[in-house]
Amino acid sequence: MTGSVILLSIWVVFKTIWITLLAAMPIMLWWTYFLLIWPELIKSSVMSEGTASILRND
């Protein structure tokens, strides 16, 4: 939601597509990593370690 507000604010202030796209690239990269890639990495990590290692406190 914050990323959307940032992009909308940039569009409202500058009204130019190239500045908005320039700002959108790192935000989209961030979203892609943390909404698509990171959950898959965590899921595969949990699957490979098993649930017993998560419950231990090592």
Protein backbone atom coordinates (compact mmCIF):
# COMPACT_ATOMS: atom_id res chain seq x y z
CA MET A 1 0.00 0.00 0.00
CA THR A 2 2.81 2.41 0.83
CA GLY A 3 4.42 1.82 -2.57
CA SER A 4 1.16 2.59 -4.31
CA VAL A 5 0.76 5.82 -2.34
CA ILE A 6 4.33 6.82 -3.17
CA LEU A 7 3.79 6.21 -6.88
CA LEU A 8 0.46 8.02 -6.88
CA SER A 9 2.00 10.96 -5.04
CA ILE A 10 4.85 11.18 -7.52
CA TRP A 11 2.37 11.15 -10.38
CA VAL A 12 0.20 13.85 -8.77
CA VAL A 13 3.18 16.10 -8.03
CA PHE A 14 5.19 15.76 -11.25
CA LYS A 15 2.59 14.56 -13.80
CA THR A 16 5.33 12.97 -15.90
CA ILE A 17 5.41 9.30 -16.76
CA TRP A 18 9.19 8.98 -16.89
CA ILE A 19 9.71 10.19 -13.30
CA THR A 20 6.90 7.94 -12.13
CA LEU A 21 8.39 4.95 -13.97
CA LEU A 22 11.84 5.75 -12.61
CA ALA A 23 10.43 5.68 -9.09
CA ALA A 24 8.33 2.60 -9.85
CA MET A 25 11.28 0.41 -10.83
CA PRO A 26 12.84 -0.01 -7.36
CA ILE A 27 9.40 -0.31 -5.77
CA MET A 28 8.41 -3.05 -8.23
CA LEU A 29 11.72 -4.79 -7.62
CA TRP A 30 11.07 -4.66 -3.86
CA TRP A 31 7.52 -5.99 -4.29
CA THR A 32 8.68 -8.78 -6.60
CA TYR A 33 11.33 -9.90 -4.17
CA PHE A 34 9.34 -9.77 -0.96
CA LEU A 35 5.92 -10.79 -2.28
CA LEU A 36 6.94 -13.47 -4.80
CA ILE A 37 10.52 -14.67 -4.32
CA TRP A 38 11.02 -14.46 -0.54
CA PRO A 39 7.93 -16.54 0.43
CA GLU A 40 9.02 -19.28 -1.98
CA LEU A 41 12.53 -19.28 -0.52
CA ILE A 42 11.15 -19.56 3.00
CA LYS A 43 8.74 -22.32 1.97
CA SER A 44 11.51 -24.34 0.33
CA SER A 45 13.78 -23.76 3.32
CA VAL A 46 11.13 -24.99 5.74
CA MET A 47 10.41 -28.01 3.56
CA SER A 48 14.08 -28.97 3.32
CA GLU A 49 14.76 -28.55 7.05
CA GLY A 50 11.54 -30.07 8.30
CA THR A 51 9.38 -28.76 11.09
CA ALA A 52 11.45 -30.30 13.91
CA SER A 53 14.34 -27.89 13.35
CA ILE A 54 12.00 -24.92 13.53
CA LEU A 55 10.75 -25.98 16.94
CA ARG A 56 14.27 -26.44 18.34
CA ASN A 57 16.04 -23.47 19.78
CA ASP A 58 19.56 -23.86 18.30
